[in-house]
C-alpha atoms as a PDB file:
ATOM      1  CA  MET A   1     122.473 100.156 102.895  1.00  0.00           C
ATOM      2  CA  LYS A   2     121.360 100.542  99.279  1.00  0.00           C
ATOM      3  CA  ASN A   3     117.598 101.111  99.091  1.00  0.00           C
ATOM      4  CA  VAL A   4     115.636 103.754 100.999  1.00  0.00           C
ATOM      5  CA  ILE A   5     111.918 104.245 101.626  1.00  0.00           C
ATOM      6  CA  GLY A   6     110.641 107.529 103.014  1.00  0.00           C
ATOM      7  CA  ILE A   7     107.488 108.433 104.871  1.00  0.00           C
ATOM      8  CA  GLY A   8     106.045 111.883 105.294  1.00  0.00           C
ATOM      9  CA  ASN A   9     103.286 114.347 104.581  1.00  0.00           C
ATOM     10  CA  ALA A  10     102.297 114.199 100.921  1.00  0.00           C
ATOM     11  CA  LEU A  11     101.819 117.856 100.040  1.00  0.00           C
ATOM     12  CA  THR A  12     101.622 120.235  97.134  1.00  0.00           C
ATOM     13  CA  ASP A  13     103.655 123.402  97.679  1.00  0.00           C
ATOM     14  CA  MET A  14     102.532 126.933  96.839  1.00  0.00           C
ATOM     15  CA  LEU A  15     105.738 128.987  96.855  1.00  0.00           C
ATOM     16  CA  VAL A  16     105.200 132.737  97.255  1.00  0.00           C
ATOM     17  CA  ASN A  17     107.944 135.353  96.882  1.00  0.00           C
ATOM     18  CA  LEU A  18     107.398 138.094  99.465  1.00  0.00           C
ATOM     19  CA  GLN A  19     108.399 141.712  98.906  1.00  0.00           C
ATOM     20  CA  SER A  20     108.988 142.147 102.662  1.00  0.00           C
ATOM     21  CA  ASP A  21     108.339 140.327 105.950  1.00  0.00           C
ATOM     22  CA  SER A  22     105.299 142.485 106.775  1.00  0.00           C
ATOM     23  CA  VAL A  23     102.895 139.593 106.119  1.00  0.00           C
ATOM     24  CA  LEU A  24     104.689 137.519 108.760  1.00  0.00           C
ATOM     25  CA  SER A  25     104.433 140.373 111.272  1.00  0.00           C
ATOM     26  CA  ARG A  26     100.756 140.976 110.518  1.00  0.00           C
ATOM     27  CA  PHE A  27      99.820 137.361 111.278  1.00  0.00           C
ATOM     28  CA  GLY A  28     102.317 136.934 114.136  1.00  0.00           C
ATOM     29  CA  ILE A  29     104.254 134.190 112.351  1.00  0.00           C
ATOM     30  CA  ALA A  30     107.823 133.349 113.384  1.00  0.00           C
ATOM     31  CA  LYS A  31     110.136 133.704 110.404  1.00  0.00           C
ATOM     32  CA  GLY A  32     111.717 130.394 109.394  1.00  0.00           C
ATOM     33  CA  SER A  33     109.187 128.270 111.271  1.00  0.00           C
ATOM     34  CA  MET A  34     106.741 125.611 110.140  1.00  0.00           C
ATOM     35  CA  MET A  35     103.184 126.011 111.413  1.00  0.00           C
ATOM     36  CA  LEU A  36     100.250 123.668 111.073  1.00  0.00           C
ATOM     37  CA  VAL A  37      97.217 125.791 110.249  1.00  0.00           C
ATOM     38  CA  ASP A  38      93.572 125.178 109.419  1.00  0.00           C
ATOM     39  CA  SER A  39      92.257 125.739 105.907  1.00  0.00           C
ATOM     40  CA  LYS A  40      90.603 129.032 106.951  1.00  0.00           C
ATOM     41  CA  LEU A  41      93.844 130.658 108.145  1.00  0.00           C
ATOM     42  CA  GLN A  42      95.755 129.262 105.172  1.00  0.00           C
ATOM     43  CA  SER A  43      93.172 130.820 102.849  1.00  0.00           C
ATOM     44  CA  GLN A  44      93.402 134.186 104.664  1.00  0.00           C
ATOM     45  CA  ILE A  45      97.167 134.241 104.310  1.00  0.00           C
ATOM     46  CA  SER A  46      96.949 133.158 100.667  1.00  0.00           C
ATOM     47  CA  LYS A  47      94.566 136.051  99.981  1.00  0.00           C
ATOM     48  CA  SER A  48      96.918 138.493 101.731  1.00  0.00           C
ATOM     49  CA  VAL A  49      99.689 137.637  99.236  1.00  0.00           C
ATOM     50  CA  ALA A  50      97.444 137.541  96.169  1.00  0.00           C
ATOM     51  CA  GLY A  51      99.238 139.125  93.239  1.00  0.00           C
ATOM     52  CA  PHE A  52     102.704 138.159  94.491  1.00  0.00           C
ATOM     53  CA  PRO A  53     104.816 135.879  92.237  1.00  0.00           C
ATOM     54  CA  TYR A  54     104.218 132.216  93.061  1.00  0.00           C
ATOM     55  CA  SER A  55     104.704 128.686  91.723  1.00  0.00           C
ATOM     56  CA  LEU A  56     103.344 125.197  92.451  1.00  0.00           C
ATOM     57  CA  SER A  57     105.324 121.989  92.898  1.00  0.00           C
ATOM     58  CA  LEU A  58     105.342 118.629  94.645  1.00  0.00           C
ATOM     59  CA  GLY A  59     106.250 119.117  98.275  1.00  0.00           C
ATOM     60  CA  GLY A  60     106.600 117.596 101.684  1.00  0.00           C
ATOM     61  CA  SER A  61     109.955 117.256 103.429  1.00  0.00           C
ATOM     62  CA  ALA A  62     110.551 113.510 103.052  1.00  0.00           C
ATOM     63  CA  ASP A  63     109.104 113.544  99.545  1.00  0.00           C
ATOM     64  CA  ASN A  64     111.628 116.224  98.523  1.00  0.00           C
ATOM     65  CA  THR A  65     114.453 114.039  99.840  1.00  0.00           C
ATOM     66  CA  ILE A  66     113.198 110.856  98.223  1.00  0.00           C
ATOM     67  CA  ARG A  67     112.588 112.495  94.832  1.00  0.00           C
ATOM     68  CA  ALA A  68     116.103 113.951  94.856  1.00  0.00           C
ATOM     69  CA  MET A  69     117.569 110.556  95.763  1.00  0.00           C
ATOM     70  CA  ALA A  70     115.685 108.973  92.878  1.00  0.00           C
ATOM     71  CA  ARG A  71     117.216 111.532  90.517  1.00  0.00           C
ATOM     72  CA  LEU A  72     120.661 110.741  91.935  1.00  0.00           C
ATOM     73  CA  GLY A  73     120.101 107.058  91.149  1.00  0.00           C
ATOM     74  CA  THR A  74     119.134 105.464  94.463  1.00  0.00           C
ATOM     75  CA  ARG A  75     116.297 102.929  94.528  1.00  0.00           C
ATOM     76  CA  VAL A  76     113.590 104.588  96.611  1.00  0.00           C
ATOM     77  CA  GLY A  77     109.942 104.458  97.660  1.00  0.00           C
ATOM     78  CA  PHE A  78     107.598 106.861  99.402  1.00  0.00           C
ATOM     79  CA  ILE A  79     104.704 106.325 101.836  1.00  0.00           C
ATOM     80  CA  GLY A  80     102.044 109.010 102.127  1.00  0.00           C
ATOM     81  CA  LYS A  81      98.362 109.855 101.917  1.00  0.00           C
ATOM     82  CA  VAL A  82      96.513 112.176  99.555  1.00  0.00           C
ATOM     83  CA  GLY A  83      92.908 113.023  98.814  1.00  0.00           C
ATOM     84  CA  SER A  84      90.681 111.313  96.285  1.00  0.00           C
ATOM     85  CA  ASP A  85      91.093 114.303  93.990  1.00  0.00           C
ATOM     86  CA  THR A  86      93.030 115.431  90.922  1.00  0.00           C
ATOM     87  CA  THR A  87      95.802 116.817  93.122  1.00  0.00           C
ATOM     88  CA  GLY A  88      96.238 113.370  94.655  1.00  0.00           C
ATOM     89  CA  ASP A  89      96.262 111.778  91.202  1.00  0.00           C
ATOM     90  CA  PHE A  90      98.929 114.248  90.111  1.00  0.00           C
ATOM     91  CA  PHE A  91     101.053 113.546  93.189  1.00  0.00           C
ATOM     92  CA  GLU A  92     101.034 109.758  92.754  1.00  0.00           C
ATOM     93  CA  GLN A  93     101.655 109.851  89.002  1.00  0.00           C
ATOM     94  CA  ALA A  94     104.490 112.347  89.407  1.00  0.00           C
ATOM     95  CA  LEU A  95     106.270 110.000  91.832  1.00  0.00           C
ATOM     96  CA  GLN A  96     106.034 107.152  89.330  1.00  0.00           C
ATOM     97  CA  ASN A  97     107.334 109.367  86.540  1.00  0.00           C
ATOM     98  CA  LEU A  98     110.342 110.270  88.688  1.00  0.00           C
ATOM     99  CA  GLY A  99     111.227 106.662  89.456  1.00  0.00           C
ATOM    100  CA  VAL A 100     109.850 106.577  93.000  1.00  0.00           C
ATOM    101  CA  LYS A 101     107.791 103.540  94.022  1.00  0.00           C
ATOM    102  CA  PRO A 102     104.610 105.086  95.485  1.00  0.00           C
ATOM    103  CA  VAL A 103     102.864 103.593  98.504  1.00  0.00           C
ATOM    104  CA  ILE A 104     100.038 106.105  98.417  1.00  0.00           C
ATOM    105  CA  PHE A 105      96.827 105.828 100.417  1.00  0.00           C
ATOM    106  CA  ARG A 106      93.693 107.858  99.714  1.00  0.00           C
ATOM    107  CA  GLY A 107      91.852 109.872 102.349  1.00  0.00           C
ATOM    108  CA  ARG A 108      88.490 111.569 102.813  1.00  0.00           C
ATOM    109  CA  ASN A 109      89.784 115.147 102.910  1.00  0.00           C
ATOM    110  CA  ARG A 110      91.373 117.146 100.137  1.00  0.00           C
ATOM    111  CA  SER A 111      95.066 116.632  99.425  1.00  0.00           C
ATOM    112  CA  GLY A 112      97.359 118.579 101.743  1.00  0.00           C
ATOM    113  CA  LYS A 113      98.908 121.906 100.818  1.00  0.00           C
ATOM    114  CA  CYS A 114     101.828 123.967 102.110  1.00  0.00           C
ATOM    115  CA  VAL A 115     102.029 127.729 101.570  1.00  0.00           C
ATOM    116  CA  SER A 116     105.745 128.542 101.662  1.00  0.00           C
ATOM    117  CA  LEU A 117     106.410 132.263 102.160  1.00  0.00           C
ATOM    118  CA  ILE A 118     109.858 133.180 100.830  1.00  0.00           C
ATOM    119  CA  SER A 119     111.386 136.315 102.385  1.00  0.00           C
ATOM    120  CA  PRO A 120     113.599 138.656 100.329  1.00  0.00           C
ATOM    121  CA  ASP A 121     116.705 137.076 101.944  1.00  0.00           C
ATOM    122  CA  GLY A 122     115.624 133.589 100.770  1.00  0.00           C
ATOM    123  CA  GLU A 123     114.455 132.346 104.186  1.00  0.00           C
ATOM    124  CA  ARG A 124     111.247 130.344 103.978  1.00  0.00           C
ATOM    125  CA  THR A 125     108.324 130.154 106.419  1.00  0.00           C
ATOM    126  CA  MET A 126     105.869 127.293 105.920  1.00  0.00           C
ATOM    127  CA  LEU A 127     102.161 127.278 106.694  1.00  0.00           C
ATOM    128  CA  THR A 128     100.821 123.789 106.241  1.00  0.00           C
ATOM    129  CA  HIS A 129      97.288 122.449 106.098  1.00  0.00           C
ATOM    130  CA  LEU A 130      97.792 118.697 106.103  1.00  0.00           C
ATOM    131  CA  GLY A 131      94.386 117.716 104.750  1.00  0.00           C
ATOM    132  CA  ALA A 132      94.367 114.052 103.749  1.00  0.00           C
ATOM    133  CA  ALA A 133      98.043 113.676 104.719  1.00  0.00           C
ATOM    134  CA  GLU A 134      96.976 113.877 108.364  1.00  0.00           C
ATOM    135  CA  GLU A 135      94.733 110.835 107.927  1.00  0.00           C
ATOM    136  CA  LEU A 136      97.634 108.420 107.440  1.00  0.00           C
ATOM    137  CA  SER A 137      97.306 105.984 110.332  1.00  0.00           C
ATOM    138  CA  SER A 138      99.347 103.250 111.962  1.00  0.00           C
ATOM    139  CA  ASP A 139      96.708 100.679 110.915  1.00  0.00           C
ATOM    140  CA  GLU A 140      97.687 101.181 107.280  1.00  0.00           C
ATOM    141  CA  ILE A 141     101.362 100.389 107.822  1.00  0.00           C
ATOM    142  CA  SER A 142     101.918  96.711 107.047  1.00  0.00           C
ATOM    143  CA  PRO A 143     105.344  95.040 107.477  1.00  0.00           C
ATOM    144  CA  GLU A 144     105.418  94.067 103.793  1.00  0.00           C
ATOM    145  CA  ILE A 145     105.729  97.737 102.787  1.00  0.00           C
ATOM    146  CA  PHE A 146     109.362  97.662 103.934  1.00  0.00           C
ATOM    147  CA  ASP A 147     110.416  94.524 102.060  1.00  0.00           C
ATOM    148  CA  GLY A 148     113.327  95.189  99.718  1.00  0.00           C
ATOM    149  CA  TYR A 149     114.527  98.301 101.574  1.00  0.00           C
ATOM    150  CA  ASP A 150     117.486  98.784 103.878  1.00  0.00           C
ATOM    151  CA  CYS A 151     116.657 102.158 105.409  1.00  0.00           C
ATOM    152  CA  LEU A 152     113.554 104.093 106.448  1.00  0.00           C
ATOM    153  CA  TYR A 153     113.764 107.893 106.203  1.00  0.00           C
ATOM    154  CA  VAL A 154     111.237 109.709 108.398  1.00  0.00           C
ATOM    155  CA  GLU A 155     110.376 113.389 108.283  1.00  0.00           C
ATOM    156  CA  GLY A 156     110.113 114.917 111.734  1.00  0.00           C
ATOM    157  CA  TYR A 157     106.851 116.670 110.907  1.00  0.00           C
ATOM    158  CA  LEU A 158     105.102 113.316 111.386  1.00  0.00           C
ATOM    159  CA  VAL A 159     105.742 113.668 115.099  1.00  0.00           C
ATOM    160  CA  GLN A 160     102.311 115.262 115.480  1.00  0.00           C
ATOM    161  CA  ASP A 161     101.015 111.659 115.445  1.00  0.00           C
ATOM    162  CA  HIS A 162     103.051 109.814 118.069  1.00  0.00           C
ATOM    163  CA  THR A 163     101.345 106.481 117.446  1.00  0.00           C
ATOM    164  CA  LEU A 164     101.963 106.596 113.700  1.00  0.00           C
ATOM    165  CA  ILE A 165     105.644 107.525 113.836  1.00  0.00           C
ATOM    166  CA  GLU A 166     106.461 105.002 116.554  1.00  0.00           C
ATOM    167  CA  THR A 167     104.543 102.200 114.820  1.00  0.00           C
ATOM    168  CA  VAL A 168     106.348 102.923 111.545  1.00  0.00           C
ATOM    169  CA  MET A 169     109.770 102.870 113.211  1.00  0.00           C
ATOM    170  CA  HIS A 170     108.999  99.755 115.252  1.00  0.00           C
ATOM    171  CA  THR A 171     107.711  97.882 112.192  1.00  0.00           C
ATOM    172  CA  ALA A 172     110.654  98.912 110.038  1.00  0.00           C
ATOM    173  CA  ARG A 173     113.152  97.982 112.747  1.00  0.00           C
ATOM    174  CA  ARG A 174     111.617  94.496 113.097  1.00  0.00           C
ATOM    175  CA  ARG A 175     111.947  94.186 109.307  1.00  0.00           C
ATOM    176  CA  GLY A 176     115.691  94.858 109.665  1.00  0.00           C
ATOM    177  CA  LEU A 177     115.845  98.434 108.377  1.00  0.00           C
ATOM    178  CA  LYS A 178     118.096 101.201 109.630  1.00  0.00           C
ATOM    179  CA  ILE A 179     116.164 104.341 110.570  1.00  0.00           C
ATOM    180  CA  ALA A 180     116.990 107.934 109.715  1.00  0.00           C
ATOM    181  CA  ILE A 181     115.066 111.023 110.833  1.00  0.00           C
ATOM    182  CA  ASP A 182     115.220 114.732 110.111  1.00  0.00           C
ATOM    183  CA  LEU A 183     114.107 116.837 113.084  1.00  0.00           C
ATOM    184  CA  ALA A 184     112.218 119.150 110.700  1.00  0.00           C
ATOM    185  CA  SER A 185     111.748 122.412 112.649  1.00  0.00           C
ATOM    186  CA  PHE A 186     112.853 123.919 115.968  1.00  0.00           C
ATOM    187  CA  ASN A 187     109.269 124.538 117.092  1.00  0.00           C
ATOM    188  CA  VAL A 188     108.282 120.943 116.304  1.00  0.00           C
ATOM    189  CA  VAL A 189     111.239 119.739 118.385  1.00  0.00           C
ATOM    190  CA  ALA A 190     110.315 122.021 121.284  1.00  0.00           C
ATOM    191  CA  ASP A 191     106.697 120.828 121.308  1.00  0.00           C
ATOM    192  CA  ASN A 192     107.652 117.123 121.269  1.00  0.00           C
ATOM    193  CA  LEU A 193     110.991 117.110 123.060  1.00  0.00           C
ATOM    194  CA  GLU A 194     110.555 114.228 125.506  1.00  0.00           C
ATOM    195  CA  PHE A 195     108.941 111.987 122.897  1.00  0.00           C
ATOM    196  CA  LEU A 196     111.675 112.706 120.307  1.00  0.00           C
ATOM    197  CA  HIS A 197     114.366 111.892 122.860  1.00  0.00           C
ATOM    198  CA  ARG A 198     112.821 108.514 123.594  1.00  0.00           C
ATOM    199  CA  LEU A 199     112.220 107.804 119.904  1.00  0.00           C
ATOM    200  CA  THR A 200     115.850 108.563 119.083  1.00  0.00           C
ATOM    201  CA  ARG A 201     117.208 106.392 121.901  1.00  0.00           C
ATOM    202  CA  GLU A 202     115.065 103.417 120.954  1.00  0.00           C
ATOM    203  CA  TYR A 203     115.013 103.484 117.161  1.00  0.00           C
ATOM    204  CA  VAL A 204     117.086 106.105 115.338  1.00  0.00           C
ATOM    205  CA  ASP A 205     120.431 105.275 113.656  1.00  0.00           C
ATOM    206  CA  ILE A 206     120.914 108.483 111.637  1.00  0.00           C
ATOM    207  CA  LEU A 207     119.743 111.925 112.756  1.00  0.00           C
ATOM    208  CA  PHE A 208     119.723 115.129 110.694  1.00  0.00           C
ATOM    209  CA  ALA A 209     119.143 118.532 112.294  1.00  0.00           C
ATOM    210  CA  ASN A 210     119.967 122.163 111.730  1.00  0.00           C
ATOM    211  CA  GLU A 211     121.697 124.211 114.401  1.00  0.00           C
ATOM    212  CA  ASP A 212     118.509 125.587 115.992  1.00  0.00           C
ATOM    213  CA  GLU A 213     116.870 122.154 116.113  1.00  0.00           C
ATOM    214  CA  ALA A 214     119.970 120.570 117.640  1.00  0.00           C
ATOM    215  CA  LYS A 215     120.212 123.260 120.321  1.00  0.00           C
ATOM    216  CA  VAL A 216     116.542 122.853 121.259  1.00  0.00           C
ATOM    217  CA  PHE A 217     116.900 119.058 121.223  1.00  0.00           C
ATOM    218  CA  THR A 218     119.888 119.097 123.601  1.00  0.00           C
ATOM    219  CA  GLY A 219     119.648 122.388 125.481  1.00  0.00           C
ATOM    220  CA  LYS A 220     123.255 123.121 124.442  1.00  0.00           C
ATOM    221  CA  ASP A 221     124.269 126.575 123.176  1.00  0.00           C
ATOM    222  CA  ASP A 222     127.100 125.296 120.995  1.00  0.00           C
ATOM    223  CA  ALA A 223     126.456 123.164 117.907  1.00  0.00           C
ATOM    224  CA  ALA A 224     129.517 120.963 118.470  1.00  0.00           C
ATOM    225  CA  ASP A 225     128.410 120.282 122.037  1.00  0.00           C
ATOM    226  CA  ALA A 226     124.943 119.431 120.710  1.00  0.00           C
ATOM    227  CA  VAL A 227     126.455 116.932 118.269  1.00  0.00           C
ATOM    228  CA  GLN A 228     128.398 115.282 121.083  1.00  0.00           C
ATOM    229  CA  GLU A 229     125.244 115.063 123.184  1.00  0.00           C
ATOM    230  CA  ILE A 230     123.134 113.518 120.412  1.00  0.00           C
ATOM    231  CA  SER A 231     125.900 111.040 119.541  1.00  0.00           C
ATOM    232  CA  GLN A 232     125.383 109.445 122.958  1.00  0.00           C
ATOM    233  CA  ILE A 233     122.010 108.102 121.786  1.00  0.00           C
ATOM    234  CA  CYS A 234     122.425 107.914 117.988  1.00  0.00           C
ATOM    235  CA  ASP A 235     125.096 106.275 115.778  1.00  0.00           C
ATOM    236  CA  LEU A 236     125.385 108.936 113.067  1.00  0.00           C
ATOM    237  CA  VAL A 237     124.640 112.626 113.687  1.00  0.00           C
ATOM    238  CA  VAL A 238     124.566 115.387 111.069  1.00  0.00           C
ATOM    239  CA  VAL A 239     124.019 118.954 112.277  1.00  0.00           C
ATOM    240  CA  LYS A 240     123.900 121.674 109.620  1.00  0.00           C
ATOM    241  CA  VAL A 241     125.281 124.997 110.819  1.00  0.00           C
ATOM    242  CA  GLY A 242     124.141 127.298 108.015  1.00  0.00           C
ATOM    243  CA  MET A 243     126.894 129.092 106.091  1.00  0.00           C
ATOM    244  CA  LYS A 244     129.495 127.287 108.223  1.00  0.00           C
ATOM    245  CA  GLY A 245     128.565 123.907 106.734  1.00  0.00           C
ATOM    246  CA  ALA A 246     127.862 120.836 108.851  1.00  0.00           C
ATOM    247  CA  ILE A 247     129.275 118.900 111.791  1.00  0.00           C
ATOM    248  CA  ILE A 248     129.141 115.128 111.323  1.00  0.00           C
ATOM    249  CA  LYS A 249     129.891 112.466 113.923  1.00  0.00           C
ATOM    250  CA  HIS A 250     129.960 108.693 113.658  1.00  0.00           C
ATOM    251  CA  GLY A 251     131.547 106.704 116.455  1.00  0.00           C
ATOM    252  CA  ASP A 252     134.870 108.327 117.322  1.00  0.00           C
ATOM    253  CA  GLU A 253     135.059 110.212 114.021  1.00  0.00           C
ATOM    254  CA  MET A 254     133.863 113.819 114.097  1.00  0.00           C
ATOM    255  CA  ILE A 255     134.421 116.150 111.145  1.00  0.00           C
ATOM    256  CA  HIS A 256     133.400 119.563 109.871  1.00  0.00           C
ATOM    257  CA  VAL A 257     132.380 119.878 106.217  1.00  0.00           C
ATOM    258  CA  GLY A 258     131.972 123.254 104.531  1.00  0.00           C
ATOM    259  CA  ILE A 259     129.325 124.459 102.087  1.00  0.00           C
ATOM    260  CA  MET A 260     129.211 124.869  98.338  1.00  0.00           C
ATOM    261  CA  ALA A 261     128.698 128.578  97.755  1.00  0.00           C
ATOM    262  CA  ALA A 262     125.506 129.085  95.766  1.00  0.00           C
ATOM    263  CA  ALA A 263     125.666 131.286  92.682  1.00  0.00           C
ATOM    264  CA  LYS A 264     122.655 133.090  94.137  1.00  0.00           C
ATOM    265  CA  ARG A 265     120.576 132.453  97.263  1.00  0.00           C
ATOM    266  CA  VAL A 266     117.014 132.577  95.950  1.00  0.00           C
ATOM    267  CA  ASP A 267     114.967 130.288  98.208  1.00  0.00           C
ATOM    268  CA  THR A 268     116.038 128.005 101.065  1.00  0.00           C
ATOM    269  CA  THR A 269     112.959 125.790 100.619  1.00  0.00           C
ATOM    270  CA  GLY A 270     114.156 122.189 100.505  1.00  0.00           C
ATOM    271  CA  ALA A 271     117.802 122.932 101.357  1.00  0.00           C
ATOM    272  CA  GLY A 272     117.785 120.568 104.343  1.00  0.00           C
ATOM    273  CA  ASP A 273     115.808 117.981 102.388  1.00  0.00           C
ATOM    274  CA  PHE A 274     118.298 118.029  99.512  1.00  0.00           C
ATOM    275  CA  TYR A 275     121.228 117.898 101.933  1.00  0.00           C
ATOM    276  CA  ALA A 276     119.784 114.690 103.394  1.00  0.00           C
ATOM    277  CA  ALA A 277     119.250 113.353  99.861  1.00  0.00           C
ATOM    278  CA  GLY A 278     122.860 113.924  98.831  1.00  0.00           C
ATOM    279  CA  PHE A 279     124.220 112.593 102.114  1.00  0.00           C
ATOM    280  CA  LEU A 280     122.101 109.411 102.096  1.00  0.00           C
ATOM    281  CA  TYR A 281     122.807 108.780  98.407  1.00  0.00           C
ATOM    282  CA  ALA A 282     126.550 108.915  99.119  1.00  0.00           C
ATOM    283  CA  LEU A 283     126.103 106.709 102.192  1.00  0.00           C
ATOM    284  CA  CYS A 284     124.280 104.143 100.047  1.00  0.00           C
ATOM    285  CA  GLU A 285     127.244 104.276  97.647  1.00  0.00           C
ATOM    286  CA  GLY A 286     129.622 103.432 100.488  1.00  0.00           C
ATOM    287  CA  MET A 287     131.444 106.762 100.533  1.00  0.00           C
ATOM    288  CA  SER A 288     133.333 108.336 103.432  1.00  0.00           C
ATOM    289  CA  LEU A 289     131.727 110.786 105.864  1.00  0.00           C
ATOM    290  CA  ARG A 290     133.500 113.706 104.184  1.00  0.00           C
ATOM    291  CA  GLN A 291     132.316 112.588 100.760  1.00  0.00           C
ATOM    292  CA  CYS A 292     128.758 112.202 102.113  1.00  0.00           C
ATOM    293  CA  GLY A 293     128.868 115.680 103.640  1.00  0.00           C
ATOM    294  CA  THR A 294     130.316 117.208 100.478  1.00  0.00           C
ATOM    295  CA  ILE A 295     127.641 115.718  98.240  1.00  0.00           C
ATOM    296  CA  GLY A 296     124.973 116.835 100.710  1.00  0.00           C
ATOM    297  CA  ALA A 297     126.407 120.347 100.492  1.00  0.00           C
ATOM    298  CA  ILE A 298     126.396 120.194  96.684  1.00  0.00           C
ATOM    299  CA  THR A 299     122.733 119.207  96.387  1.00  0.00           C
ATOM    300  CA  ALA A 300     121.676 121.731  99.046  1.00  0.00           C
ATOM    301  CA  GLY A 301     123.734 124.449  97.365  1.00  0.00           C
ATOM    302  CA  LYS A 302     122.057 123.894  94.017  1.00  0.00           C
ATOM    303  CA  VAL A 303     118.451 123.811  95.263  1.00  0.00           C
ATOM    304  CA  ILE A 304     118.700 127.216  96.966  1.00  0.00           C
ATOM    305  CA  GLU A 305     119.505 128.734  93.566  1.00  0.00           C
ATOM    306  CA  VAL A 306     115.922 128.146  92.405  1.00  0.00           C
ATOM    307  CA  VAL A 307     112.424 128.779  93.714  1.00  0.00           C
ATOM    308  CA  GLY A 308     111.003 125.508  94.979  1.00  0.00           C
ATOM    309  CA  THR A 309     112.609 122.088  94.745  1.00  0.00           C
ATOM    310  CA  THR A 310     112.543 121.336  91.023  1.00  0.00           C
ATOM    311  CA  LEU A 311     115.967 121.505  89.396  1.00  0.00           C
ATOM    312  CA  GLY A 312     116.486 121.739  85.644  1.00  0.00           C
ATOM    313  CA  GLU A 313     118.656 119.385  83.614  1.00  0.00           C
ATOM    314  CA  GLU A 314     121.569 121.825  83.561  1.00  0.00           C
ATOM    315  CA  ALA A 315     121.620 121.930  87.371  1.00  0.00           C
ATOM    316  CA  TRP A 316     121.539 118.139  87.627  1.00  0.00           C
ATOM    317  CA  GLU A 317     124.333 117.821  85.060  1.00  0.00           C
ATOM    318  CA  HIS A 318     126.437 120.161  87.193  1.00  0.00           C
ATOM    319  CA  ILE A 319     125.639 118.101  90.301  1.00  0.00           C
ATOM    320  CA  PHE A 320     126.721 114.865  88.611  1.00  0.00           C
ATOM    321  CA  THR A 321     129.929 116.487  87.365  1.00  0.00           C
ATOM    322  CA  LEU A 322     130.793 117.539  90.916  1.00  0.00           C
ATOM    323  CA  ILE A 323     129.818 114.141  92.353  1.00  0.00           C
ATOM    324  CA  ASN A 324     132.228 112.430  89.954  1.00  0.00           C
ATOM    325  CA  ARG A 325     134.981 114.715  91.275  1.00  0.00           C
ATOM    326  CA  VAL A 326     134.001 113.862  94.846  1.00  0.00           C
ATOM    327  CA  LYS A 327     134.176 110.143  94.082  1.00  0.00           C
ATOM    328  CA  THR A 328     137.822 110.583  93.037  1.00  0.00           C
ATOM    329  CA  GLU A 329     138.406 112.799  96.098  1.00  0.00           C
ATOM    330  CA  LYS A 330     139.365 115.737  93.888  1.00  0.00           C
ATOM    331  CA  TYR A 331     136.548 117.913  95.268  1.00  0.00           C
ATOM    332  CA  LEU A 332     136.032 117.764  99.021  1.00  0.00           C
ATOM    333  CA  PHE A 333     135.003 120.478 101.484  1.00  0.00           C
END
């Protein structure tokens, strides 16, 4: 496994730093969740936080992972759909500039947008209006898209379109690709539980989840028990357990890998996406499970030190320094 293509919602992120969680309470939004909203509600919430510090960046779960993998040196591509607008132009050009091969379709609606509300403790709550991203259809997915790749990485948020996600996995599998998925959000898992179980049994080789998602997926109260349960239907399971690190299982091997303590916890946006990026990069390099988990922890630990998912050169230099130590097994969690 050397080359990875991702598929997900092509979004632009508006990252807003909240002074308190009162906005979440006012709109009845569960902290830490991802909600699909219409443009009217998204606009109302945006107006309610007008004047708060914010920033704009490329977004979308799978896109975050793929862009980070490109920066780490993996050959990657990304499948998504944007509007026929300047935001869509920006999205596609930015991928090319970052070394990602874009497979970008154009839709009728405006490009999608995610308002990410960042609580004072760094927890993020996402309110997404998919726009053109929601128009991506199974009819547009041709087998040739997957030529030259060894692995398909799917963001779990695509599960709102059962036909699309299953067609993509089926087509990629017939093309010989391994399939990885991130379960995305506990509420998404809960709403699509039976379908996700079947999808995992039939297609998925690598599954990423956080503790809440894994518990909802399995009905188990303990993360380790959840990992054992998922491993019955999936070859490689990675369950992130917050400050306690991650539990990883492949075949008979099950390990616990700790975290890299962040200098400061500013914003958890993209932490899971960057963990997957570091883990899959290391897997593509043929590293051990502990090395994969350690590099995942490194990339996740660095991204939570900034608002959004754009790291500066100094941060990337630090990441590469640590990765070199991991490669020689002098820095393992």
